[in-house]
Amino acid sequence: MANNEQLQKVALYCDEYRQNENPSFQSSVDAFGGEIKSCKNCAHFTSDEKCDIDLVDKVLSSMAMELDLK
């Protein structure tokens, strides 16, 4: 399972990220009051902390490959 920092990075690079619109859901905010984009506040992230379209590992792998090319 990815850690919180990885989940934030995945959300930034994931083409399928969708902000959770559930009114009972509370998102995280940074020190400046801006919303923190993370898989944890994505509509595809389930209550058992998994991506229901299975993209976390794919996006992490893609990011790692991109870093290897630099």
Protein backbone atom coordinates (compact mmCIF):
# COMPACT_ATOMS: atom_id res chain seq x y z
CA MET A 1 0.00 0.00 0.00
CA ALA A 2 1.23 3.47 -0.85
CA ASN A 3 2.00 5.94 1.92
CA ASN A 4 0.32 9.36 2.28
CA GLU A 5 3.02 11.20 0.33
CA GLN A 6 2.75 8.73 -2.56
CA LEU A 7 -1.05 9.00 -2.56
CA GLN A 8 -0.74 12.77 -2.90
CA LYS A 9 1.72 12.46 -5.80
CA VAL A 10 -0.43 9.85 -7.53
CA ALA A 11 -3.46 12.17 -7.34
CA LEU A 12 -1.44 14.94 -9.01
CA TYR A 13 -0.50 12.72 -11.96
CA CYS A 14 -3.60 10.55 -12.29
CA ASP A 15 -5.83 11.35 -15.27
CA GLU A 16 -8.80 9.72 -13.53
CA TYR A 17 -8.64 11.72 -10.27
CA ARG A 18 -12.10 12.97 -9.35
CA GLN A 19 -12.74 15.03 -6.22
CA ASN A 20 -15.04 13.16 -3.85
CA GLU A 21 -18.41 14.95 -3.92
CA ASN A 22 -19.85 13.10 -0.92
CA PRO A 23 -21.16 15.82 1.48
CA SER A 24 -20.14 13.76 4.54
CA PHE A 25 -16.56 13.50 3.25
CA GLN A 26 -14.00 15.89 4.71
CA SER A 27 -10.93 16.70 2.65
CA SER A 28 -7.54 17.79 3.98
CA VAL A 29 -6.25 21.33 3.65
CA ASP A 30 -2.69 22.61 3.66
CA ALA A 31 -1.24 25.35 5.88
CA PHE A 32 -2.51 28.01 3.45
CA GLY A 33 -6.10 26.73 3.38
CA GLY A 34 -5.71 25.09 -0.02
CA GLU A 35 -7.13 21.64 -0.55
CA ILE A 36 -4.62 18.79 -0.63
CA LYS A 37 -5.12 16.58 -3.65
CA SER A 38 -4.76 12.92 -2.64
CA CYS A 39 -6.14 9.54 -3.58
CA LYS A 40 -7.78 9.64 -0.17
CA ASN A 41 -10.16 12.36 -1.37
CA CYS A 42 -10.76 10.86 -4.82
CA ALA A 43 -14.15 9.43 -5.75
CA HIS A 44 -12.41 6.22 -6.88
CA PHE A 45 -10.82 5.56 -3.46
CA THR A 46 -12.86 3.05 -1.46
CA SER A 47 -13.51 2.82 2.27
CA ASP A 48 -10.98 -0.04 2.47
CA GLU A 49 -8.38 2.38 1.02
CA LYS A 50 -8.07 0.96 -2.49
CA CYS A 51 -8.48 2.52 -5.90
CA ASP A 52 -11.59 0.95 -7.42
CA ILE A 53 -10.11 1.38 -10.91
CA ASP A 54 -6.70 0.02 -9.79
CA LEU A 55 -4.52 2.95 -10.84
CA VAL A 56 -2.30 3.68 -7.81
CA ASP A 57 0.39 1.14 -8.69
CA LYS A 58 0.22 1.98 -12.40
CA VAL A 59 0.70 5.70 -11.78
CA LEU A 60 3.50 5.06 -9.26
CA SER A 61 5.26 2.79 -11.76
CA SER A 62 4.91 5.38 -14.49
CA MET A 63 6.35 8.06 -12.20
CA ALA A 64 9.29 5.81 -11.27
CA MET A 65 10.02 5.05 -14.93
CA GLU A 66 9.96 8.76 -15.74
CA LEU A 67 12.49 9.45 -12.97
CA ASP A 68 14.75 6.67 -14.30
CA LEU A 69 14.86 8.39 -17.70
CA LYS A 70 16.21 11.63 -16.24
